[in-house]
N, C-alpha and C. Protein backbone atom coordinates (compact mmCIF):
# COMPACT_ATOMS: atom_id res chain seq x y z
N UNK A 1 -5.62 24.18 26.03
CA UNK A 1 -5.94 23.06 26.72
C UNK A 1 -7.29 22.73 24.98
N UNK A 2 -8.16 23.07 24.91
CA UNK A 2 -8.64 22.74 24.01
C UNK A 2 -8.00 22.96 22.33
N UNK A 3 -7.13 23.23 22.45
CA UNK A 3 -5.91 23.25 20.70
C UNK A 3 -5.50 21.88 21.24
N UNK A 4 -4.85 22.20 22.27
CA UNK A 4 -4.54 20.67 22.40
C UNK A 4 -4.65 19.43 22.54
N UNK A 5 -6.41 18.65 22.87
CA UNK A 5 -6.87 18.47 22.55
C UNK A 5 -7.31 18.10 21.60
N UNK A 6 -7.68 19.15 20.48
CA UNK A 6 -8.25 18.88 19.03
C UNK A 6 -7.21 18.43 18.42
N UNK A 7 -5.53 19.06 18.45
CA UNK A 7 -4.67 18.26 17.53
C UNK A 7 -4.21 16.61 17.92
N UNK A 8 -4.67 16.45 19.24
CA UNK A 8 -4.31 14.85 19.38
C UNK A 8 -5.37 14.19 19.17
N UNK A 9 -6.37 14.88 19.09
CA UNK A 9 -7.88 13.77 18.06
C UNK A 9 -7.37 13.66 16.77
N UNK A 10 -7.10 15.00 15.93
CA UNK A 10 -6.21 15.60 14.78
C UNK A 10 -5.55 14.23 14.48
N UNK A 11 -4.22 14.22 14.94
CA UNK A 11 -3.63 13.50 14.80
C UNK A 11 -3.79 11.69 14.93
N UNK A 12 -5.06 11.34 15.89
CA UNK A 12 -5.42 10.02 16.01
C UNK A 12 -5.97 9.95 14.54
N UNK A 13 -7.11 11.05 14.40
CA UNK A 13 -7.62 10.26 12.78
C UNK A 13 -7.06 10.03 11.67
N UNK A 14 -6.02 11.53 11.85
CA UNK A 14 -4.88 11.15 10.36
C UNK A 14 -3.97 9.79 10.57
N UNK A 15 -3.68 9.35 11.50
CA UNK A 15 -3.50 8.47 11.51
C UNK A 15 -3.70 6.68 11.24
N UNK A 16 -5.30 6.94 11.51
CA UNK A 16 -6.47 5.84 11.40
C UNK A 16 -6.63 5.96 10.12
N UNK A 17 -6.88 7.19 9.47
CA UNK A 17 -7.51 7.25 7.84
C UNK A 17 -5.83 6.65 7.39
N UNK A 18 -4.59 6.79 7.74
CA UNK A 18 -3.27 5.82 6.81
C UNK A 18 -3.29 5.31 6.95
N UNK A 19 -3.93 4.63 7.81
CA UNK A 19 -3.41 2.92 8.07
C UNK A 19 -4.99 2.51 6.94
N UNK A 20 -5.85 2.70 6.98
CA UNK A 20 -7.00 2.44 6.04
C UNK A 20 -6.66 2.42 4.73
N UNK A 21 -5.45 3.01 4.13
CA UNK A 21 -5.36 3.46 2.92
C UNK A 21 -4.45 2.37 2.44
N UNK A 22 -3.85 0.96 3.24
CA UNK A 22 -2.95 0.13 3.19
C UNK A 22 -4.18 -0.95 2.13
N UNK A 23 -4.77 -1.44 2.16
CA UNK A 23 -5.93 -2.64 1.79
C UNK A 23 -6.17 -1.46 0.28
N UNK A 24 -6.27 -0.06 0.10
CA UNK A 24 -6.81 0.05 -1.12
C UNK A 24 -5.36 0.40 -2.03
N UNK A 25 -4.52 0.06 -1.53
CA UNK A 25 -3.62 0.29 -3.03
C UNK A 25 -3.14 -1.60 -2.56
N UNK A 26 -3.37 -2.53 -1.09
CA UNK A 26 -3.46 -3.46 -1.94
C UNK A 26 -4.53 -4.43 -3.42
N UNK A 27 -5.61 -3.79 -2.95
CA UNK A 27 -6.47 -3.91 -4.00
C UNK A 27 -5.86 -3.27 -5.75
N UNK A 28 -5.40 -2.40 -5.60
CA UNK A 28 -5.24 -1.83 -6.85
C UNK A 28 -3.86 -2.74 -7.51
N UNK A 29 -3.38 -3.34 -6.60
CA UNK A 29 -1.74 -3.89 -6.99
C UNK A 29 -3.02 -5.19 -7.49
N UNK A 30 -3.83 -5.86 -6.50
CA UNK A 30 -4.34 -7.17 -7.06
C UNK A 30 -5.09 -6.84 -7.81
N UNK A 31 -6.11 -5.44 -8.71
CA UNK A 31 -6.21 -5.97 -9.91
C UNK A 31 -5.47 -5.75 -11.00
N UNK A 32 -4.46 -5.31 -11.12
CA UNK A 32 -3.46 -5.29 -12.42
C UNK A 32 -2.86 -6.24 -12.11
N UNK A 33 -2.55 -7.50 -10.99
CA UNK A 33 -2.00 -8.94 -10.82
C UNK A 33 -2.76 -9.89 -11.28
N UNK A 34 -4.11 -9.70 -11.52
CA UNK A 34 -5.12 -10.28 -11.77
C UNK A 34 -5.84 -10.23 -13.29
N UNK A 35 -4.99 -9.22 -13.96
CA UNK A 35 -5.29 -8.65 -14.89
C UNK A 35 -5.24 -9.58 -16.47
N UNK A 36 -6.09 -9.83 -17.17
CA UNK A 36 -5.59 -10.99 -18.43
C UNK A 36 -4.66 -10.48 -19.24
N UNK A 37 -3.89 -8.73 -19.11
CA UNK A 37 -2.61 -8.63 -19.96
C UNK A 37 -1.31 -8.50 -19.55
N UNK A 38 -1.53 -8.53 -17.61
CA UNK A 38 -0.38 -8.41 -17.18
C UNK A 38 0.67 -9.00 -17.63
N UNK A 39 1.27 -10.21 -17.58
CA UNK A 39 2.37 -10.63 -18.32
C UNK A 39 2.96 -9.87 -19.48
N UNK A 40 1.81 -9.60 -20.17
CA UNK A 40 2.51 -8.95 -21.19
C UNK A 40 2.63 -7.57 -21.93
N UNK A 41 2.76 -6.27 -20.40
CA UNK A 41 3.56 -5.62 -20.50
C UNK A 41 4.14 -5.07 -18.98
N UNK A 42 4.53 -6.10 -18.79
CA UNK A 42 5.57 -6.24 -17.69
C UNK A 42 6.19 -7.52 -17.46
N UNK A 43 7.53 -7.25 -17.26
CA UNK A 43 8.10 -8.12 -17.34
C UNK A 43 8.31 -9.12 -16.44
N UNK A 44 9.04 -10.29 -16.07
CA UNK A 44 8.86 -11.34 -15.44
C UNK A 44 9.48 -11.53 -13.85
N UNK A 45 10.86 -10.53 -14.15
CA UNK A 45 11.04 -9.82 -12.73
C UNK A 45 10.41 -8.76 -12.04
N UNK A 46 10.22 -7.57 -12.64
CA UNK A 46 9.44 -6.91 -12.27
C UNK A 46 8.16 -7.64 -11.29
N UNK A 47 7.65 -8.14 -12.20
CA UNK A 47 6.17 -8.70 -11.44
C UNK A 47 6.48 -9.70 -10.46
N UNK A 48 7.79 -10.60 -10.65
CA UNK A 48 8.10 -11.49 -9.29
C UNK A 48 8.33 -10.17 -8.09
N UNK A 49 8.63 -9.26 -8.12
CA UNK A 49 9.29 -8.73 -7.73
C UNK A 49 7.75 -7.54 -6.66
N UNK A 50 6.98 -6.97 -7.77
CA UNK A 50 6.05 -6.27 -7.23
C UNK A 50 5.20 -7.54 -6.57
N UNK A 51 5.14 -8.47 -7.14
CA UNK A 51 3.74 -9.34 -5.79
C UNK A 51 4.79 -9.87 -4.97
N UNK A 52 6.19 -9.57 -4.42
CA UNK A 52 6.88 -10.12 -3.23
C UNK A 52 6.65 -8.65 -2.63
N UNK A 53 6.44 -7.73 -2.95
CA UNK A 53 6.43 -6.21 -2.51
C UNK A 53 5.16 -6.35 -1.98
N UNK A 54 4.00 -6.50 -2.81
CA UNK A 54 2.79 -6.79 -2.21
C UNK A 54 2.18 -7.78 -1.10
N UNK A 55 2.83 -8.75 -0.71
CA UNK A 55 2.95 -9.92 0.41
C UNK A 55 3.57 -9.44 1.70
N UNK A 56 4.51 -8.74 0.94
CA UNK A 56 5.32 -8.30 2.12
C UNK A 56 4.54 -6.83 2.74
N UNK A 57 3.63 -5.96 2.35
CA UNK A 57 3.05 -4.76 2.60
C UNK A 57 1.84 -5.70 3.30
N UNK A 58 1.26 -6.23 3.27
CA UNK A 58 -0.35 -7.05 3.78
C UNK A 58 0.37 -7.66 4.89
N UNK A 59 1.70 -7.91 4.84
CA UNK A 59 2.17 -8.64 6.41
C UNK A 59 2.56 -7.14 7.49
N UNK A 60 3.02 -6.27 6.81
CA UNK A 60 3.35 -5.27 7.79
C UNK A 60 1.73 -4.82 8.06
N UNK A 61 0.72 -4.35 6.98
CA UNK A 61 -0.36 -3.64 7.85
C UNK A 61 -0.89 -5.17 8.51
N UNK A 62 -0.77 -6.57 8.25
CA UNK A 62 -1.32 -6.78 9.17
C UNK A 62 -0.61 -7.51 10.73
N UNK A 63 0.64 -6.75 10.87
CA UNK A 63 1.66 -7.01 11.93
C UNK A 63 1.20 -5.36 12.53
N UNK A 64 0.95 -4.34 11.68
CA UNK A 64 0.42 -2.96 12.23
C UNK A 64 1.18 -1.97 12.29
N UNK A 65 2.36 -2.05 10.85
CA UNK A 65 3.58 -1.40 10.76
C UNK A 65 3.05 -0.78 9.37
N UNK A 66 1.91 0.20 9.52
CA UNK A 66 1.92 0.94 8.39
C UNK A 66 2.13 1.66 7.74
N UNK A 67 3.55 2.07 8.50
CA UNK A 67 4.83 2.84 7.44
C UNK A 67 5.50 1.87 6.51
N UNK A 68 5.98 0.80 7.36
CA UNK A 68 6.61 0.16 6.11
C UNK A 68 5.60 -0.45 5.65
N UNK A 69 3.99 -0.79 5.85
CA UNK A 69 3.11 -1.03 4.64
C UNK A 69 2.97 -0.52 3.42
N UNK A 70 2.77 0.98 3.86
CA UNK A 70 3.02 1.73 2.13
C UNK A 70 3.64 1.99 2.06
N UNK A 71 5.53 1.82 2.42
CA UNK A 71 6.13 2.09 1.71
C UNK A 71 6.25 0.89 0.62
N UNK A 72 6.01 -0.47 1.34
CA UNK A 72 6.30 -1.78 -0.04
C UNK A 72 5.41 -1.41 -0.75
N UNK A 73 4.20 -1.29 -0.90
CA UNK A 73 2.95 -1.00 -1.43
C UNK A 73 3.32 0.06 -2.77
N UNK A 74 3.58 0.83 -1.75
CA UNK A 74 4.14 2.02 -2.59
C UNK A 74 4.71 1.89 -4.03
N UNK A 75 6.23 1.04 -3.55
CA UNK A 75 6.71 0.72 -4.42
C UNK A 75 6.51 -0.87 -5.64
N UNK A 76 5.65 -1.90 -5.17
CA UNK A 76 4.57 -2.22 -5.73
C UNK A 76 4.22 -2.03 -6.96
N UNK A 77 3.67 0.01 -6.41
CA UNK A 77 2.65 0.61 -8.03
C UNK A 77 3.79 1.27 -8.19
N UNK A 78 4.46 1.48 -7.99
CA UNK A 78 5.98 2.20 -8.88
C UNK A 78 6.09 1.14 -9.71
N UNK A 79 6.56 -0.18 -9.47
CA UNK A 79 6.77 -1.29 -10.38
C UNK A 79 6.00 -1.69 -11.59
N UNK A 80 4.73 -1.63 -10.91
CA UNK A 80 3.50 -1.77 -11.20
C UNK A 80 2.89 -0.94 -12.77
N UNK A 81 4.15 0.62 -12.45
CA UNK A 81 3.74 1.66 -13.30
C UNK A 81 1.73 2.56 -13.00
N UNK A 82 1.44 1.59 -11.40
CA UNK A 82 0.19 2.78 -11.27
C UNK A 82 0.37 3.77 -10.66
N UNK A 83 -0.54 4.16 -10.74
CA UNK A 83 -0.29 5.79 -9.53
C UNK A 83 -1.22 5.85 -8.74
N UNK A 84 -1.05 6.08 -7.28
CA UNK A 84 -1.63 5.49 -6.08
C UNK A 84 -2.41 6.16 -5.95
């Protein structure tokens, strides 16, 4: 019984920790998007897509869909060539 309870507690905390990484990823993306030289090393269409994915990620996060938020945010990070 103790093992089952411990497993459940660990699963709850793991989900919570995962959910809280969305804001960290959003701030990493924002730092690049607000940088002075962002447009000099990123093509306009890639920049537009990354910005759209960042907005989608925030919307998913706000709706509590952290899996989809992380997926969108990680794709934006990839486009911007940021190691997340």
